[in-house]
Amino acid sequence: MPAARGPISEAVFAALRGSPQELRVPDVAVADPLTGDDLHVALYCCYELHYRSFSGVDPGWEWDPRLLACRQRLEQVFERGLREAVKADQVSPGEVEATLRELVAADDGPQLARALERHADLAQFQEFMVHRSAYQLKEADPHSWAVPRLSGRAKEALVEVQADEYGGGRPGRMHATLFANAMRALHLDDRYGAYLDNIPGYTLATVNLMSLFGLHRRLRGAIVGHLATFEMTSPEPNGRYARGLRRLGLSEAATEFFDEHVEADAVHEAIAAHDLAGGLAVAEPELASDIVFGAGAAAAGGALRRRATRRLGRRPLVALGADRRRCLSRADGGGPPRR
């Protein structure tokens, strides 16, 4: 378990260290539901029980109604903040694909990618990778919750995309594995969750919104819109990240993850936009606006990621609130970073 960051996470973590029991979380005002450290580390760990959980946590907590009630309170705060920040217009099913492409065209993400491509040093790339590790080490898992909730062409398209994310049956080619390889090549600890204590709330929020959408059937349109936008915005920045790493003289192990996304996501882009998002909108017209909402949330998540990585280089790992020694691996002579 990570360290608590406030009264909410303190109450949740104290409960999770014991057997399932009554769980009382203080009614604390959350200043910013999109970035709050206390809220998002607590929510992240509630969701994590559905992924790989934590050493020493009783498995009975996963579906304990008292924890689910607590998680629901946190989700409501987060979702209200998302819906206030992301204004999804009503659209017809036939307008969904075009609307997603307009959102992608308006995104300024390549500015960050260009900066990393041209100017970032090794320490800055390490910080970037630490932020990304919160999702990439379980890449595709949040979106996979949608598979049993779809049908027809949308389901076929989702499975087609996800199969590639998991390596297409080729040993060692799962994208999460390639990202772990890249972390090691950058002298970082590739253990799942190793940097959780270092990752700020606004980065955890970008992962929490995927879990929120994926774990609720009512939000299946949102998780589809999120994935479609994720795939549509992937090839160009990943190509730039790979070139930035080559500029620093890093090995293929460092660049392979990004190269793979340039190739795979160029194919996924059309599938995700037309067959997945567009196909779901046609099959279930009432979800059209939810798909656009999910796409807008993905764009908002991109803005939060850029907020983190635009700080790169101001001082070592400023966005993580930790000195460099905590975040570099045994390659620096100090042993693995503290959990």
Protein backbone atom coordinates (compact mmCIF):
# COMPACT_ATOMS: atom_id res chain seq x y z
CA MET A 1 0.00 0.00 0.00
CA PRO A 2 1.21 3.52 -0.70
CA ALA A 3 1.39 6.23 1.93
CA ALA A 4 -1.78 8.18 2.66
CA ARG A 5 -1.97 11.77 1.39
CA GLY A 6 -4.81 13.09 3.52
CA PRO A 7 -7.82 12.09 5.65
CA ILE A 8 -9.67 10.26 2.87
CA SER A 9 -6.82 7.98 1.85
CA GLU A 10 -5.77 7.58 5.48
CA ALA A 11 -9.19 6.16 6.38
CA VAL A 12 -9.37 3.92 3.30
CA PHE A 13 -5.84 2.55 3.70
CA ALA A 14 -6.25 1.93 7.43
CA ALA A 15 -9.32 -0.17 6.68
CA LEU A 16 -7.67 -2.10 3.84
CA ARG A 17 -4.84 -3.15 6.12
CA GLY A 18 -7.31 -5.19 8.17
CA SER A 19 -10.17 -7.60 7.54
CA PRO A 20 -13.36 -6.29 5.88
CA GLN A 21 -15.19 -4.16 8.43
CA GLU A 22 -17.06 -0.91 8.85
CA LEU A 23 -15.41 1.85 6.86
CA ARG A 24 -15.92 5.46 7.85
CA VAL A 25 -14.44 8.06 5.55
CA PRO A 26 -14.53 11.67 6.77
CA ASP A 27 -16.68 14.08 4.82
CA VAL A 28 -13.89 16.28 3.50
CA ALA A 29 -14.32 18.97 0.88
CA VAL A 30 -12.21 18.25 -2.22
CA ALA A 31 -10.76 21.47 -3.59
CA ASP A 32 -10.15 20.10 -7.09
CA PRO A 33 -11.82 16.80 -8.03
CA LEU A 34 -9.63 16.47 -11.14
CA THR A 35 -6.26 16.77 -9.44
CA GLY A 36 -6.59 16.19 -5.69
CA ASP A 37 -3.86 13.93 -4.30
CA ASP A 38 -5.92 12.58 -1.39
CA LEU A 39 -8.98 11.80 -3.50
CA HIS A 40 -7.13 10.23 -6.39
CA VAL A 41 -4.69 8.04 -4.49
CA ALA A 42 -7.63 6.69 -2.45
CA LEU A 43 -9.73 6.10 -5.57
CA TYR A 44 -6.81 4.58 -7.46
CA CYS A 45 -6.25 2.05 -4.68
CA CYS A 46 -9.96 1.20 -4.50
CA TYR A 47 -9.86 0.46 -8.21
CA GLU A 48 -6.59 -1.41 -7.93
CA LEU A 49 -8.36 -4.18 -6.00
CA HIS A 50 -9.97 -5.09 -9.35
CA TYR A 51 -6.57 -5.29 -11.05
CA ARG A 52 -3.61 -6.73 -9.11
CA SER A 53 -4.43 -5.46 -5.61
CA PHE A 54 -1.76 -5.05 -2.92
CA SER A 55 0.30 -7.37 -0.79
CA GLY A 56 -1.46 -8.06 2.48
CA VAL A 57 -4.90 -6.77 1.47
CA ASP A 58 -7.71 -9.24 2.23
CA PRO A 59 -9.24 -10.35 -1.12
CA GLY A 60 -12.65 -10.02 0.51
CA TRP A 61 -12.37 -6.26 0.24
CA GLU A 62 -12.75 -6.30 -3.56
CA TRP A 63 -16.53 -6.67 -3.52
CA ASP A 64 -17.23 -5.66 0.06
CA PRO A 65 -20.35 -3.44 -0.07
CA ARG A 66 -18.90 -1.05 2.51
CA LEU A 67 -15.85 -0.35 0.38
CA LEU A 68 -18.00 -0.08 -2.75
CA ALA A 69 -20.19 2.48 -0.99
CA CYS A 70 -17.08 4.46 -0.08
CA ARG A 71 -15.74 4.21 -3.61
CA GLN A 72 -19.07 5.38 -4.98
CA ARG A 73 -18.84 8.57 -2.91
CA LEU A 74 -15.38 9.27 -4.29
CA GLU A 75 -16.51 8.47 -7.83
CA GLN A 76 -19.42 10.88 -7.56
CA VAL A 77 -17.07 13.71 -6.63
CA PHE A 78 -14.76 12.83 -9.52
CA GLU A 79 -17.50 12.35 -12.10
CA ARG A 80 -19.17 15.64 -11.19
CA GLY A 81 -15.84 17.37 -11.72
CA LEU A 82 -15.38 15.64 -15.06
CA ARG A 83 -18.83 16.58 -16.30
CA GLU A 84 -18.32 20.19 -15.28
CA ALA A 85 -14.98 20.28 -17.11
CA VAL A 86 -16.04 18.33 -20.20
CA LYS A 87 -19.09 19.72 -21.94
CA ALA A 88 -20.33 17.08 -24.37
CA ASP A 89 -22.81 18.44 -26.89
CA GLN A 90 -25.73 16.38 -28.09
CA VAL A 91 -24.76 14.71 -31.36
CA SER A 92 -26.47 12.34 -33.72
CA PRO A 93 -24.99 8.86 -34.24
CA GLY A 94 -23.81 9.84 -37.69
CA GLU A 95 -21.86 12.79 -36.29
CA VAL A 96 -19.82 10.86 -33.72
CA GLU A 97 -16.81 9.97 -35.85
CA ALA A 98 -16.51 13.49 -37.27
CA THR A 99 -16.86 14.99 -33.78
CA LEU A 100 -14.06 12.79 -32.46
CA ARG A 101 -11.81 13.80 -35.33
CA GLU A 102 -12.52 17.47 -34.58
CA LEU A 103 -11.52 16.92 -30.93
CA VAL A 104 -8.31 15.24 -32.01
CA ALA A 105 -7.49 18.02 -34.48
CA ALA A 106 -7.93 20.62 -31.72
CA ASP A 107 -5.56 18.81 -29.34
CA ASP A 108 -2.19 20.47 -28.77
CA GLY A 109 -0.42 17.36 -27.48
CA PRO A 110 2.24 17.28 -30.23
CA GLN A 111 3.81 20.40 -28.65
CA LEU A 112 4.85 18.29 -25.68
CA ALA A 113 6.02 15.47 -27.92
CA ARG A 114 8.15 17.90 -29.93
CA ALA A 115 9.77 19.20 -26.75
CA LEU A 116 10.65 15.69 -25.62
CA GLU A 117 11.87 14.81 -29.08
CA ARG A 118 14.19 17.79 -29.36
CA HIS A 119 15.23 18.93 -25.90
CA ALA A 120 14.61 16.43 -23.06
CA ASP A 121 17.58 14.96 -21.24
CA LEU A 122 17.68 11.51 -19.66
CA ALA A 123 16.40 12.68 -16.27
CA GLN A 124 13.44 14.38 -17.93
CA PHE A 125 12.60 11.26 -19.92
CA GLN A 126 12.85 9.23 -16.72
CA GLU A 127 10.33 11.51 -15.06
CA PHE A 128 8.06 11.25 -18.08
CA MET A 129 8.22 7.45 -17.90
CA VAL A 130 7.44 7.42 -14.18
CA HIS A 131 4.26 9.38 -14.83
CA ARG A 132 3.31 7.09 -17.71
CA SER A 133 3.93 3.94 -15.66
CA ALA A 134 0.70 4.39 -13.69
CA TYR A 135 -1.20 3.31 -16.80
CA GLN A 136 1.26 1.72 -19.20
CA LEU A 137 2.19 -1.14 -16.87
CA LYS A 138 -1.45 -2.24 -17.08
CA GLU A 139 -2.05 -0.90 -20.56
CA ALA A 140 -5.36 -1.93 -22.13
CA ASP A 141 -6.77 -3.46 -18.93
CA PRO A 142 -9.23 -0.63 -18.10
CA HIS A 143 -10.64 -0.61 -21.63
CA SER A 144 -11.04 -4.39 -21.61
CA TRP A 145 -13.84 -4.08 -19.05
CA ALA A 146 -15.99 -2.95 -21.98
CA VAL A 147 -15.67 -6.20 -23.96
CA PRO A 148 -18.62 -8.08 -22.39
CA ARG A 149 -20.75 -4.92 -22.49
CA LEU A 150 -20.71 -4.49 -26.24
CA SER A 151 -22.04 -6.54 -29.13
CA GLY A 152 -21.84 -6.68 -32.91
CA ARG A 153 -19.25 -4.72 -34.87
CA ALA A 154 -18.31 -2.49 -31.95
CA LYS A 155 -17.36 -5.52 -29.88
CA GLU A 156 -15.42 -7.05 -32.78
CA ALA A 157 -13.53 -3.80 -33.27
CA LEU A 158 -12.70 -3.51 -29.57
CA VAL A 159 -11.37 -7.06 -29.43
CA GLU A 160 -9.33 -6.45 -32.58
CA VAL A 161 -7.66 -3.42 -30.98
CA GLN A 162 -7.19 -5.08 -27.60
CA ALA A 163 -5.67 -8.22 -29.10
CA ASP A 164 -2.82 -6.11 -30.47
CA GLU A 165 -2.41 -4.35 -27.12
CA TYR A 166 -1.86 -7.74 -25.50
CA GLY A 167 0.70 -8.78 -28.09
CA GLY A 168 -1.48 -10.71 -30.52
CA GLY A 169 -0.45 -13.98 -28.93
CA ARG A 170 3.27 -13.34 -29.43
CA PRO A 171 5.26 -14.03 -26.26
CA GLY A 172 6.87 -10.93 -24.80
CA ARG A 173 5.05 -8.53 -27.15
CA MET A 174 2.35 -7.32 -24.78
CA HIS A 175 2.54 -3.54 -24.72
CA ALA A 176 2.80 -3.44 -20.93
CA THR A 177 5.81 -5.74 -21.20
CA LEU A 178 7.43 -3.51 -23.82
CA PHE A 179 6.92 -0.52 -21.54
CA ALA A 180 8.56 -2.39 -18.65
CA ASN A 181 11.50 -3.13 -20.96
CA ALA A 182 11.74 0.56 -21.77
CA MET A 183 11.74 1.49 -18.09
CA ARG A 184 14.66 -0.85 -17.45
CA ALA A 185 16.52 0.60 -20.42
CA LEU A 186 16.13 4.04 -18.84
CA HIS A 187 17.49 2.71 -15.52
CA LEU A 188 14.07 2.77 -13.83
CA ASP A 189 12.34 0.22 -11.63
CA ASP A 190 9.85 -1.69 -13.79
CA ARG A 191 7.96 -3.35 -10.94
CA TYR A 192 4.21 -2.82 -11.12
CA GLY A 193 3.28 0.07 -8.83
CA ALA A 194 6.86 0.79 -7.77
CA TYR A 195 6.43 4.55 -8.17
CA LEU A 196 2.89 4.91 -6.86
CA ASP A 197 4.06 7.00 -3.92
CA ASN A 198 5.78 9.40 -6.33
CA ILE A 199 2.97 9.93 -8.82
CA PRO A 200 0.78 13.00 -8.22
CA GLY A 201 -3.00 13.10 -8.13
CA TYR A 202 -3.39 14.77 -11.50
CA THR A 203 -1.59 11.85 -13.14
CA LEU A 204 -3.51 9.22 -11.16
CA ALA A 205 -6.71 10.97 -12.28
CA THR A 206 -5.94 10.12 -15.92
CA VAL A 207 -5.92 6.43 -14.97
CA ASN A 208 -8.88 6.67 -12.61
CA LEU A 209 -11.13 8.04 -15.32
CA MET A 210 -10.45 4.92 -17.42
CA SER A 211 -11.32 2.67 -14.48
CA LEU A 212 -14.43 4.73 -13.74
CA PHE A 213 -15.66 4.40 -17.31
CA GLY A 214 -14.63 0.78 -17.70
CA LEU A 215 -16.13 -0.55 -14.47
CA HIS A 216 -19.59 0.97 -14.98
CA ARG A 217 -21.81 -0.46 -17.67
CA ARG A 218 -23.77 2.80 -17.82
CA LEU A 219 -20.53 4.48 -18.98
CA ARG A 220 -19.68 2.00 -21.73
CA GLY A 221 -20.10 4.75 -24.32
CA ALA A 222 -17.59 6.90 -22.46
CA ILE A 223 -14.93 4.16 -22.29
CA VAL A 224 -15.35 3.57 -26.03
CA GLY A 225 -14.98 7.28 -26.77
CA HIS A 226 -11.94 7.44 -24.53
CA LEU A 227 -10.23 4.50 -26.23
CA ALA A 228 -11.03 5.79 -29.70
CA THR A 229 -9.47 9.16 -28.92
CA PHE A 230 -6.52 7.49 -27.21
CA GLU A 231 -5.78 5.49 -30.35
CA MET A 232 -6.38 8.38 -32.73
CA THR A 233 -3.88 10.63 -30.95
CA SER A 234 -1.16 8.03 -30.46
CA PRO A 235 1.02 7.59 -33.58
CA GLU A 236 2.56 11.06 -33.96
CA PRO A 237 3.65 11.66 -30.33
CA ASN A 238 4.95 8.12 -29.92
CA GLY A 239 7.11 8.56 -33.00
CA ARG A 240 8.52 11.74 -31.50
CA TYR A 241 9.21 10.06 -28.13
CA ALA A 242 11.14 7.31 -29.94
CA ARG A 243 13.22 9.85 -31.86
CA GLY A 244 13.96 11.73 -28.64
CA LEU A 245 15.24 8.56 -27.01
CA ARG A 246 17.40 7.76 -30.03
CA ARG A 247 18.82 11.28 -29.85
CA LEU A 248 19.99 10.39 -26.33
CA GLY A 249 21.64 7.22 -27.62
CA LEU A 250 19.22 4.81 -25.92
CA SER A 251 18.94 1.23 -27.13
CA GLU A 252 16.13 -0.44 -29.03
CA ALA A 253 14.79 -1.73 -25.72
CA ALA A 254 14.00 1.90 -24.82
CA THR A 255 12.36 2.79 -28.13
CA GLU A 256 10.54 -0.42 -29.06
CA PHE A 257 7.43 0.37 -27.02
CA PHE A 258 6.99 3.70 -28.81
CA ASP A 259 7.86 2.32 -32.24
CA GLU A 260 5.27 -0.41 -31.75
CA HIS A 261 2.58 2.19 -31.06
CA VAL A 262 3.42 4.16 -34.16
CA GLU A 263 2.77 1.09 -36.30
CA ALA A 264 -0.10 -0.51 -34.40
CA ASP A 265 -2.05 2.64 -33.61
CA ALA A 266 -1.90 3.88 -37.18
CA VAL A 267 -4.08 0.84 -37.96
CA HIS A 268 -6.12 1.15 -34.77
CA GLU A 269 -7.02 4.77 -35.51
CA ALA A 270 -9.45 3.93 -38.31
CA ILE A 271 -10.86 0.89 -36.50
CA ALA A 272 -11.39 2.84 -33.28
CA ALA A 273 -12.97 5.89 -34.90
CA HIS A 274 -15.19 4.22 -37.50
CA ASP A 275 -15.94 0.69 -36.36
CA LEU A 276 -15.71 1.01 -32.59
CA ALA A 277 -17.02 4.50 -31.78
CA GLY A 278 -19.07 4.98 -34.92
CA GLY A 279 -20.32 1.40 -34.83
CA LEU A 280 -21.48 1.69 -31.22
CA ALA A 281 -23.25 4.98 -31.94
CA VAL A 282 -25.20 3.37 -34.78
CA ALA A 283 -26.02 0.25 -32.75
CA GLU A 284 -26.99 2.20 -29.61
CA PRO A 285 -27.88 5.77 -30.67
CA GLU A 286 -28.63 6.81 -27.10
CA LEU A 287 -24.91 6.46 -26.32
CA ALA A 288 -23.71 8.95 -28.94
CA SER A 289 -23.27 11.83 -26.51
CA ASP A 290 -21.60 9.56 -23.95
CA ILE A 291 -19.05 8.54 -26.59
CA VAL A 292 -18.26 12.21 -27.18
CA PHE A 293 -18.07 12.78 -23.42
CA GLY A 294 -15.51 9.97 -23.11
CA ALA A 295 -13.52 11.45 -25.96
CA GLY A 296 -13.58 14.84 -24.26
CA ALA A 297 -12.46 13.26 -21.01
CA ALA A 298 -9.54 11.68 -22.85
CA ALA A 299 -8.61 15.12 -24.13
CA ALA A 300 -8.90 16.49 -20.58
CA GLY A 301 -6.69 13.63 -19.42
CA GLY A 302 -4.18 14.62 -22.05
CA ALA A 303 -4.20 18.14 -20.65
CA LEU A 304 -3.47 16.77 -17.18
CA ARG A 305 -0.61 14.66 -18.55
CA ARG A 306 0.82 17.73 -20.25
CA ARG A 307 0.50 19.66 -17.00
CA ALA A 308 2.80 17.08 -15.44
CA THR A 309 5.32 16.77 -18.21
CA ARG A 310 5.56 20.47 -19.04
CA ARG A 311 7.30 20.77 -15.70
CA LEU A 312 10.10 18.52 -16.83
CA GLY A 313 13.48 20.06 -16.26
CA ARG A 314 12.54 22.86 -13.88
CA ARG A 315 14.22 20.82 -11.18
CA PRO A 316 14.61 17.04 -10.79
CA LEU A 317 11.24 15.33 -10.58
CA VAL A 318 9.47 18.45 -9.33
CA ALA A 319 6.11 17.10 -10.45
CA LEU A 320 6.61 14.00 -8.32
CA GLY A 321 7.53 15.79 -5.13
CA ALA A 322 10.55 13.55 -4.64
CA ASP A 323 14.28 13.81 -5.07
CA ARG A 324 15.91 11.95 -7.91
CA ARG A 325 17.41 9.28 -5.67
CA ARG A 326 13.93 7.95 -4.82
CA CYS A 327 12.98 7.53 -8.45
CA LEU A 328 16.06 6.09 -10.05
CA SER A 329 16.82 2.45 -9.92
CA ARG A 330 19.58 0.19 -8.71
CA ALA A 331 21.55 1.28 -11.80
CA ASP A 332 22.38 4.42 -9.82
CA GLY A 333 23.93 2.36 -7.04
CA GLY A 334 21.38 3.01 -4.33
CA GLY A 335 19.20 -0.08 -4.68
CA PRO A 336 15.61 -0.12 -5.91
CA PRO A 337 13.43 2.90 -5.14
CA ARG A 338 11.19 2.78 -2.11
CA ARG A 339 7.59 1.79 -2.73
